[in-house]
Protein backbone atom coordinates (compact mmCIF):
# COMPACT_ATOMS: atom_id res chain seq x y z
CA MET A 1 191.06 181.75 24.36
CA VAL A 2 189.46 180.77 27.68
CA LYS A 3 189.60 182.92 30.79
CA ASP A 4 191.95 182.04 33.62
CA LEU A 5 189.56 181.04 36.40
CA SER A 6 192.20 179.77 38.82
CA HIS A 7 191.17 182.48 41.29
CA LEU A 8 187.96 180.50 41.84
CA LEU A 9 189.78 177.32 42.91
CA SER A 10 189.55 176.17 46.53
CA ASP A 11 192.56 176.20 48.82
CA GLU A 12 192.48 172.39 48.76
CA SER A 13 192.57 172.35 44.96
CA LYS A 14 195.35 174.94 44.70
CA GLY A 15 197.45 172.87 47.09
CA ARG A 16 197.24 169.61 45.14
CA GLU A 17 200.53 168.55 43.58
CA PRO A 18 200.96 165.97 40.83
CA SER A 19 201.90 162.59 42.23
CA PRO A 20 205.57 161.84 41.46
CA LEU A 21 204.64 158.16 41.43
CA LYS A 22 201.98 158.77 38.79
CA SER A 23 204.45 160.75 36.68
CA ALA A 24 206.61 157.64 36.34
CA PHE A 25 203.77 155.72 34.69
CA LYS A 26 204.36 157.41 31.35
CA TYR A 27 207.23 154.92 30.97
CA TYR A 28 205.02 151.88 31.62
CA GLY A 29 204.77 149.62 28.59
CA LYS A 30 207.77 151.07 26.73
CA ASP A 31 209.82 148.36 25.06
CA ASP A 32 213.16 149.83 26.10
CA ILE A 33 212.26 150.20 29.81
CA VAL A 34 212.12 147.37 32.35
CA PHE A 35 209.40 148.84 34.55
CA LEU A 36 210.00 148.00 38.21
CA GLY A 37 208.39 151.14 39.56
CA GLY A 38 204.77 150.28 40.32
CA GLY A 39 202.70 147.72 42.19
CA LEU A 40 201.12 146.41 39.01
CA PRO A 41 200.28 142.70 39.01
CA MET A 42 200.99 140.92 35.74
CA ALA A 43 197.95 140.56 33.49
CA ASP A 44 198.68 136.81 33.44
CA TYR A 45 197.35 136.77 36.99
CA PHE A 46 193.97 138.30 36.08
CA PRO A 47 191.41 135.43 36.04
CA TRP A 48 189.45 136.81 33.06
CA GLU A 49 190.52 135.84 29.55
CA LYS A 50 187.43 137.08 27.74
CA ILE A 51 184.17 138.91 28.50
CA THR A 52 181.20 138.60 26.16
CA ALA A 53 178.04 140.70 26.21
CA THR A 54 175.03 140.64 23.87
CA SER A 55 173.16 143.86 23.14
CA PRO A 56 170.64 145.10 20.57
CA ALA A 57 171.97 146.36 17.26
CA PRO A 58 171.23 149.62 15.45
CA PRO A 59 169.15 151.07 13.87
CA PHE A 60 166.59 149.75 16.44
CA ALA A 61 163.75 149.93 13.90
CA ASP A 62 161.57 147.71 16.10
CA GLY A 63 162.12 149.87 19.15
CA ILE A 64 164.05 148.95 22.27
CA GLY A 65 163.23 146.73 25.21
CA ALA A 66 162.88 143.34 23.56
CA PRO A 67 166.00 141.15 23.92
CA PRO A 68 168.08 140.50 20.79
CA SER A 69 167.02 136.85 20.92
CA VAL A 70 163.49 138.05 20.06
CA THR A 71 164.38 140.69 17.48
CA GLY A 72 167.15 138.60 15.94
CA ASN A 73 169.30 141.72 15.70
CA ALA A 74 172.28 141.62 18.05
CA THR A 75 175.57 143.33 18.77
CA VAL A 76 178.04 140.92 20.34
CA THR A 77 180.81 142.55 22.35
CA GLU A 78 183.73 140.23 22.95
CA VAL A 79 186.67 141.76 24.81
CA HIS A 80 189.80 139.66 25.29
CA LYS A 81 192.68 140.01 27.66
CA HIS A 82 195.12 140.79 24.88
CA LYS A 83 193.77 140.35 21.35
CA VAL A 84 191.03 142.90 20.66
CA GLU A 85 189.43 145.01 17.95
CA GLU A 86 191.16 148.33 17.36
CA PHE A 87 188.44 150.24 19.24
CA ASP A 88 188.42 147.87 22.27
CA ILE A 89 190.16 148.32 25.60
CA PRO A 90 191.96 145.02 26.31
CA LEU A 91 191.33 143.53 29.74
CA ALA A 92 195.07 143.40 30.36
CA ARG A 93 194.95 147.22 30.39
CA SER A 94 191.46 148.02 31.68
CA LEU A 95 191.84 145.76 34.74
CA GLN A 96 195.20 147.28 35.58
CA TYR A 97 195.79 150.48 37.55
CA GLY A 98 195.20 152.82 34.66
CA ASN A 99 194.97 156.34 33.36
CA THR A 100 192.99 158.46 35.81
CA GLN A 101 191.54 160.53 32.99
CA GLY A 102 190.20 157.34 31.40
CA ASN A 103 191.35 154.84 28.79
CA ALA A 104 192.15 156.54 25.49
CA GLU A 105 189.62 154.58 23.41
CA LEU A 106 186.68 155.71 25.56
CA THR A 107 187.86 159.29 26.10
CA ASN A 108 188.41 159.61 22.34
CA PHE A 109 184.87 158.37 21.67
CA LEU A 110 183.51 160.90 24.18
CA ARG A 111 185.54 163.75 22.67
CA ASP A 112 184.10 162.96 19.25
CA HIS A 113 180.62 162.66 20.75
CA THR A 114 180.98 166.01 22.54
CA GLU A 115 182.23 167.75 19.41
CA MET A 116 179.31 166.36 17.38
CA ILE A 117 176.65 167.35 19.94
CA HIS A 118 177.94 170.55 21.53
CA HIS A 119 180.56 172.16 19.26
CA VAL A 120 182.41 173.64 22.25
CA PRO A 121 183.38 177.14 21.01
CA TYR A 122 187.00 177.15 22.20
CA LYS A 123 189.96 174.86 21.60
CA GLU A 124 191.32 174.25 25.10
CA TRP A 125 188.60 171.83 26.26
CA ASP A 126 188.81 168.18 27.22
CA VAL A 127 186.96 165.36 28.99
CA ALA A 128 187.78 163.48 32.20
CA LEU A 129 186.03 160.29 33.28
CA THR A 130 184.19 160.07 36.60
CA ILE A 131 182.05 157.43 38.29
CA GLY A 132 178.81 159.34 37.71
CA ASN A 133 177.37 162.80 38.15
CA THR A 134 177.00 162.74 41.93
CA GLN A 135 180.72 162.07 42.28
CA SER A 136 181.42 164.67 39.59
CA TRP A 137 179.44 167.24 41.58
CA GLU A 138 181.21 166.36 44.82
CA ALA A 139 184.51 166.84 42.99
CA CYS A 140 183.32 170.26 41.76
CA ILE A 141 182.60 171.43 45.29
CA ARG A 142 185.97 170.26 46.58
CA THR A 143 187.77 171.80 43.60
CA PHE A 144 186.22 175.26 43.97
CA CYS A 145 184.74 175.77 47.43
CA ASN A 146 186.27 176.50 50.79
CA PRO A 147 184.15 176.09 53.95
CA GLY A 148 181.82 179.05 54.16
CA ASP A 149 181.73 179.74 50.40
CA SER A 150 178.33 180.10 48.76
CA ILE A 151 176.81 178.17 45.87
CA LEU A 152 173.70 178.98 43.85
CA ILE A 153 171.21 176.12 43.52
CA GLU A 154 167.67 175.72 42.20
CA GLU A 155 165.06 176.15 44.94
CA PHE A 156 164.02 172.53 44.41
CA THR A 157 166.84 170.14 43.63
CA PHE A 158 168.24 166.61 43.95
CA PRO A 159 168.68 165.89 47.70
CA SER A 160 171.95 163.99 47.23
CA ALA A 161 173.45 167.07 45.56
CA VAL A 162 172.58 169.08 48.67
CA GLU A 163 174.08 166.49 51.00
CA CYS A 164 177.33 166.43 49.00
CA ALA A 165 177.68 170.15 49.49
CA ARG A 166 176.38 170.32 53.05
CA ASN A 167 179.09 168.01 54.33
CA LEU A 168 181.72 170.28 52.78
CA LYS A 169 180.37 173.24 54.79
CA VAL A 170 179.18 175.51 51.99
CA GLU A 171 176.32 177.99 52.16
CA PHE A 172 173.28 177.45 49.92
CA VAL A 173 171.68 180.30 47.98
CA PRO A 174 168.41 179.12 46.36
CA VAL A 175 167.30 180.65 43.05
CA LYS A 176 163.64 181.10 42.15
CA MET A 177 162.12 178.73 39.59
CA ASP A 178 158.88 178.42 37.68
CA SER A 179 157.49 175.63 35.51
CA TYR A 180 160.31 176.21 33.00
CA GLY A 181 163.30 176.26 35.35
CA ILE A 182 165.45 179.03 36.81
CA ILE A 183 164.07 182.54 36.29
CA PRO A 184 167.02 184.58 34.93
CA SER A 185 165.68 187.92 36.19
CA ALA A 186 165.38 186.48 39.71
CA LEU A 187 169.00 185.28 39.54
CA ASP A 188 170.20 188.69 38.36
CA GLU A 189 168.20 190.50 41.04
CA LEU A 190 169.57 188.21 43.74
CA LEU A 191 173.17 188.93 42.74
CA SER A 192 172.68 192.66 42.09
CA ASN A 193 171.46 193.00 45.70
CA TRP A 194 174.21 190.75 47.10
CA ASP A 195 175.70 191.72 50.46
CA SER A 196 179.03 193.25 49.42
CA SER A 197 180.64 192.10 52.66
CA LYS A 198 180.39 188.49 51.42
CA PRO A 199 182.05 186.93 48.36
CA ILE A 200 179.81 186.33 45.33
CA PRO A 201 178.92 182.62 44.96
CA LYS A 202 181.50 180.68 42.98
CA LEU A 203 179.17 178.11 41.42
CA LEU A 204 175.68 177.77 39.99
CA TYR A 205 174.52 174.15 40.15
CA THR A 206 171.66 173.41 37.77
CA ILE A 207 169.96 170.28 36.45
CA CYS A 208 168.81 172.22 33.43
CA THR A 209 167.10 169.62 31.20
CA GLY A 210 164.36 167.38 32.60
CA GLN A 211 165.14 168.83 36.02
CA ASN A 212 165.02 166.58 39.06
CA PRO A 213 162.51 166.90 40.73
CA THR A 214 160.36 169.34 38.76
CA GLY A 215 160.76 167.98 35.21
CA SER A 216 161.31 171.55 33.99
CA SER A 217 163.72 172.43 31.16
CA LEU A 218 165.49 175.71 30.46
CA ASP A 219 164.93 176.96 26.92
CA ASN A 220 167.68 178.48 24.75
CA GLN A 221 166.84 182.07 25.67
CA ARG A 222 166.98 181.45 29.42
CA ARG A 223 170.28 179.60 29.06
CA LYS A 224 171.74 182.53 27.14
CA GLU A 225 170.59 184.99 29.81
CA ILE A 226 171.92 182.84 32.65
CA TYR A 227 175.28 182.45 30.91
CA GLU A 228 175.53 186.22 30.51
CA ILE A 229 174.80 186.63 34.23
CA ALA A 230 177.59 184.13 35.02
CA CYS A 231 180.03 186.22 32.95
CA LYS A 232 178.80 189.43 34.61
CA TYR A 233 179.26 188.15 38.17
CA ASP A 234 182.22 185.81 37.49
CA PHE A 235 180.92 182.43 38.61
CA ILE A 236 181.08 178.94 37.10
CA ILE A 237 178.02 177.10 35.78
CA ILE A 238 177.85 173.42 36.65
CA GLU A 239 175.36 171.90 34.21
CA ASP A 240 174.35 168.50 35.54
CA GLU A 241 172.88 166.82 32.46
CA PRO A 242 172.11 163.10 32.86
CA TYR A 243 168.69 163.58 31.19
CA TYR A 244 169.86 165.71 28.24
CA PHE A 245 169.10 163.11 25.56
CA LEU A 246 165.65 162.33 26.98
CA GLN A 247 164.24 165.40 25.22
CA MET A 248 160.79 165.22 23.63
CA GLU A 249 158.43 167.34 21.58
CA GLN A 250 155.79 169.44 23.31
CA TYR A 251 152.79 167.44 24.50
CA GLU A 252 149.56 168.36 22.73
CA SER A 253 146.40 167.66 24.68
CA GLY A 254 143.62 165.95 22.79
CA LYS A 255 145.89 164.56 20.08
CA GLU A 256 146.81 160.94 19.58
CA SER A 257 150.34 160.14 20.68
CA SER A 258 152.74 159.92 17.80
CA VAL A 259 156.50 160.09 17.63
CA LYS A 260 157.98 161.53 14.46
CA GLU A 261 160.78 159.51 12.96
CA GLN A 262 163.93 161.62 12.93
CA THR A 263 167.13 161.57 10.96
CA HIS A 264 170.37 162.11 12.86
CA ASP A 265 170.49 165.76 11.76
CA GLU A 266 166.87 166.35 12.76
CA PHE A 267 167.51 164.82 16.15
CA LEU A 268 170.65 166.88 16.77
CA ASN A 269 168.95 170.09 15.62
CA SER A 270 166.00 169.44 17.94
CA LEU A 271 168.15 169.43 21.07
CA VAL A 272 168.22 172.49 23.30
CA LYS A 273 171.58 174.25 23.29
CA SER A 274 173.78 173.21 26.21
CA PHE A 275 175.57 175.77 28.36
CA ILE A 276 178.92 174.32 27.21
CA SER A 277 177.92 175.03 23.58
CA MET A 278 177.64 178.78 24.29
CA ASP A 279 180.65 178.99 26.61
CA THR A 280 183.19 181.38 25.11
CA GLU A 281 185.01 182.00 28.41
CA GLY A 282 185.51 178.45 29.69
CA ARG A 283 183.28 178.98 32.73
CA VAL A 284 180.99 175.98 32.21
CA LEU A 285 181.63 172.48 33.49
CA ARG A 286 179.31 169.93 31.96
CA LEU A 287 178.56 166.77 33.96
CA ASP A 288 177.57 163.94 31.63
CA SER A 289 176.72 160.32 32.35
CA PHE A 290 175.67 156.97 30.89
CA SER A 291 173.40 156.37 33.90
CA LYS A 292 170.12 157.38 32.24
CA VAL A 293 170.91 156.33 28.66
CA LEU A 294 172.75 153.00 29.14
CA ALA A 295 172.63 151.86 32.79
CA PRO A 296 173.11 153.46 36.24
CA GLY A 297 175.32 150.56 37.31
CA SER A 298 177.84 151.26 34.58
CA ARG A 299 179.19 153.96 36.95
CA ILE A 300 180.76 155.93 34.12
CA GLY A 301 180.34 159.67 33.78
CA TRP A 302 182.54 162.41 32.42
CA ILE A 303 183.20 166.11 32.88
CA VAL A 304 183.63 168.46 29.91
CA GLY A 305 185.38 171.77 30.47
CA GLN A 306 188.48 173.83 29.96
CA ALA A 307 191.64 171.71 30.25
CA PRO A 308 193.39 173.74 33.00
CA LEU A 309 190.41 173.21 35.31
CA LEU A 310 190.10 169.52 34.42
CA GLU A 311 193.75 169.06 35.38
CA ARG A 312 192.75 169.95 38.95
CA PHE A 313 189.98 167.32 38.86
CA ILE A 314 192.43 164.68 37.65
CA ARG A 315 194.76 165.47 40.57
CA LEU A 316 191.81 164.93 42.93
CA HIS A 317 190.75 161.70 41.21
CA GLU A 318 194.27 160.28 41.48
CA VAL A 319 193.85 160.15 45.25
CA SER A 320 190.13 159.35 45.40
CA ILE A 321 188.31 157.35 42.69
CA GLN A 322 191.49 156.54 40.67
CA ALA A 323 189.30 155.74 37.63
CA PRO A 324 185.94 154.15 36.76
CA SER A 325 185.81 150.36 36.83
CA GLY A 326 187.93 148.69 34.17
CA PHE A 327 185.21 146.13 33.51
CA SER A 328 182.77 148.96 32.79
CA GLN A 329 185.20 150.81 30.57
CA SER A 330 185.91 147.70 28.48
CA LEU A 331 182.25 146.69 28.13
CA VAL A 332 180.86 150.18 27.48
CA GLN A 333 183.59 151.08 25.00
CA GLY A 334 183.28 147.65 23.39
CA LEU A 335 179.60 148.33 22.72
CA LEU A 336 180.06 151.95 21.63
CA GLY A 337 183.00 151.00 19.41
CA ARG A 338 180.83 148.46 17.59
CA TRP A 339 177.84 150.81 17.35
CA GLY A 340 179.95 153.80 16.37
CA GLN A 341 178.76 157.39 16.76
CA SER A 342 175.98 156.71 14.26
CA GLY A 343 174.69 153.66 16.10
CA TYR A 344 174.82 155.48 19.44
CA LEU A 345 172.67 158.25 17.93
CA ASP A 346 170.25 155.56 16.74
CA TRP A 347 170.05 154.30 20.32
CA LEU A 348 169.42 157.80 21.72
CA ILE A 349 166.69 158.42 19.14
CA ALA A 350 165.03 155.09 20.01
CA LEU A 351 165.27 155.92 23.71
CA ARG A 352 163.65 159.31 23.07
CA LYS A 353 160.75 157.51 21.38
CA GLU A 354 160.23 155.21 24.37
CA TYR A 355 160.22 158.10 26.85
CA THR A 356 157.89 160.15 24.66
CA ILE A 357 155.38 157.29 24.61
CA LYS A 358 155.55 156.99 28.40
CA ARG A 359 155.34 160.76 28.95
CA ASP A 360 152.28 161.00 26.69
CA PHE A 361 150.62 158.06 28.42
CA THR A 362 151.29 159.66 31.81
CA ILE A 363 149.74 163.01 30.87
CA LYS A 364 146.71 161.38 29.25
CA THR A 365 146.19 159.34 32.42
CA LEU A 366 146.45 162.46 34.57
CA GLU A 367 143.88 164.15 32.32
CA LYS A 368 141.58 161.16 32.74
CA PHE A 369 141.77 160.61 36.50
CA MET A 370 143.17 163.63 38.36
CA PRO A 371 140.66 166.05 39.97
CA THR A 372 141.44 169.28 38.11
CA GLU A 373 139.58 171.28 40.76
CA VAL A 374 142.69 170.97 42.94
CA VAL A 375 145.45 169.49 40.74
CA THR A 376 147.44 171.06 37.88
CA TRP A 377 150.53 169.98 35.94
CA THR A 378 152.89 171.07 33.17
CA PRO A 379 153.80 168.27 30.74
CA PRO A 380 157.59 167.83 30.78
CA ILE A 381 159.57 168.12 27.55
CA ALA A 382 162.56 166.13 28.81
CA GLY A 383 163.69 163.67 31.43
CA MET A 384 161.88 160.97 33.35
CA PHE A 385 159.99 162.99 35.97
CA PHE A 386 156.66 164.80 36.10
CA THR A 387 155.07 166.77 38.91
CA ILE A 388 151.50 167.45 39.94
CA GLU A 389 150.76 170.66 41.84
CA ILE A 390 148.02 170.65 44.47
CA ASP A 391 146.17 173.61 45.99
CA THR A 392 146.04 172.64 49.66
CA SER A 393 143.77 175.59 50.56
CA LYS A 394 140.88 173.61 49.05
CA HIS A 395 141.38 170.70 51.47
CA PRO A 396 138.28 170.36 53.67
CA ASP A 397 140.42 170.27 56.83
CA TYR A 398 142.78 173.09 55.81
CA GLU A 399 141.64 175.36 58.65
CA LYS A 400 141.80 172.51 61.21
CA LEU A 401 145.33 171.71 60.08
CA GLY A 402 146.38 175.27 60.89
CA LYS A 403 146.61 176.17 57.18
CA ASP A 404 149.75 174.03 57.11
CA ALA A 405 150.33 172.83 53.56
CA LEU A 406 152.92 170.31 54.70
CA LYS A 407 150.34 168.53 56.85
CA VAL A 408 148.12 168.18 53.81
CA GLU A 409 151.13 166.91 51.87
CA GLU A 410 151.82 164.27 54.51
CA ALA A 411 148.18 163.19 54.55
CA ILE A 412 148.14 162.75 50.75
CA TYR A 413 151.43 160.85 50.85
CA GLU A 414 150.15 158.43 53.49
CA HIS A 415 146.82 158.03 51.72
CA GLY A 416 148.63 157.23 48.46
CA LEU A 417 150.73 154.58 50.20
CA LYS A 418 147.62 153.06 51.74
CA ASP A 419 145.99 152.89 48.31
CA GLY A 420 149.09 151.31 46.77
CA CYS A 421 151.00 154.07 45.00
CA LEU A 422 154.09 156.00 46.07
CA MET A 423 154.93 159.45 44.75
CA ILE A 424 157.50 161.68 46.43
CA PRO A 425 156.45 164.84 48.32
CA GLY A 426 157.92 167.99 46.82
CA SER A 427 159.06 169.28 50.21
CA TRP A 428 161.68 166.52 50.26
CA PHE A 429 163.44 168.36 47.43
CA LYS A 430 163.32 171.85 48.89
CA ALA A 431 166.76 173.45 48.95
CA PRO A 432 168.10 174.77 52.26
CA ASN A 433 167.18 178.38 53.04
CA VAL A 434 163.95 178.32 51.04
CA SER A 435 161.74 179.89 53.68
CA ASP A 436 158.51 180.96 51.98
CA GLN A 437 155.54 178.70 52.67
CA SER A 438 153.00 178.41 49.87
CA GLU A 439 149.57 176.84 49.99
CA HIS A 440 150.58 175.02 46.80
CA ILE A 441 152.53 171.75 47.08
CA PHE A 442 153.69 169.24 44.51
CA PHE A 443 154.45 165.55 44.21
CA ARG A 444 157.12 164.08 41.93
CA GLY A 445 156.47 160.95 39.93
CA THR A 446 158.42 159.07 37.28
CA TYR A 447 157.29 157.27 34.14
CA ALA A 448 160.67 155.56 33.83
CA ALA A 449 160.46 152.85 36.45
CA VAL A 450 157.50 150.63 35.48
CA PRO A 451 155.66 149.31 32.37
CA LEU A 452 152.70 151.29 31.01
CA LYS A 453 150.13 148.97 32.61
CA ASP A 454 151.56 149.46 36.10
CA LEU A 455 152.06 153.17 35.46
CA GLY A 456 148.36 153.54 34.68
CA ILE A 457 147.33 151.59 37.76
CA GLY A 458 149.58 153.66 40.01
CA LEU A 459 148.40 157.02 38.65
CA GLU A 460 144.74 156.05 39.03
CA ARG A 461 145.38 154.97 42.62
CA PHE A 462 147.11 158.24 43.47
CA ALA A 463 144.35 160.24 41.83
CA ASN A 464 141.77 158.37 43.91
CA ALA A 465 143.78 159.07 47.06
CA ILE A 466 143.69 162.81 46.30
CA LYS A 467 139.95 162.68 45.58
CA GLU A 468 139.28 160.92 48.85
CA GLU A 469 141.50 163.33 50.80
CA PHE A 470 139.69 166.34 49.31
CA LYS A 471 136.29 164.56 49.52
CA LEU A 472 135.67 165.02 45.80
């Protein structure tokens, strides 16, 4: 039985009432009701009779990336206005004003997917569709936070997540990190010394696997400790997990890159435990998305959590996003329905292989070109980002620059641009209220955006820029 966490809801969320107009829609489509209650155009007036999309087909033995016309192995998704396969969402329904929670075919697929991956340890959970994790996070803030409330965030985090919260007038409380994510003891110490005149933060926002920007990943033990701290201090964990399935094995320096072939069970057992999988109190909200595993432009995400809390999100979505695009729901569900859960796992395993190859190539290139006198790195085990840490105190002009690490950072950034490679300065990701100034800086790069050849060229250029800056 989950805990009642309604005391953590915002005033805005508590005040939301179900729409009486929406309540009438349960009668839409019933044979014995002539429905004259909604502004729903007839499907006959939709100018799309059929949508066809061609995709690769499982088991993706030849890898992914080559078009089906080359591999000769294709999945053809053909969604009609009315006549469809049993797992399809007909266009007559998906292009209509629809169910805010999401069309049943897709939400059912995601429930089955969630059960298979996470085994949520209580019964009263559900899923609700969103238009991606940034919108999901914005909905979380509005659902739980009043102006002036505090939220816990990683000391380096995704800037758009900060801007979502900043505009809703919340206070930021950064939590110390190391190369492996949030440090649980630092979180506990922060809260044990909390000013008792102020309310404890309501939310912890964490990108806990393949973290953006650092590439760090929380291991099972840290997740367990952080969850116990959440129970102790009564706050909600928001696990923002778009990179969860981009998990890889540890990188081993000096060894040839190889990706072990995995069965479905081996793949599932290799995944780090999610916060939602250890949540016995219903105090985790998991933000999931197709953005990093299918396509960002699909604009389909979903929230997993206890049903009473999700009901508040649905009330918000009724008057904001309404629902993700009907085109997207029909096409994505059409593909997933044809692949099935097994085929989708095949896709995720193939995607893992691609990212492992690119991660290994990236680290080997860093080992080859980066000046280790001033640069260090920790190979990521998930996600699409890596970081290089630079000791600015070894810059020849460090004293002249007033021992200002950010001036060195700016000089390296500009030099990299001049030499033809862009990596993002770590200071751009610093959470508000992180005040300590270190002589160590970092730059974030990605191995996701370009082919291996261009990736190698870019990394060599950036390494040369650092060498020239440090006169090495």
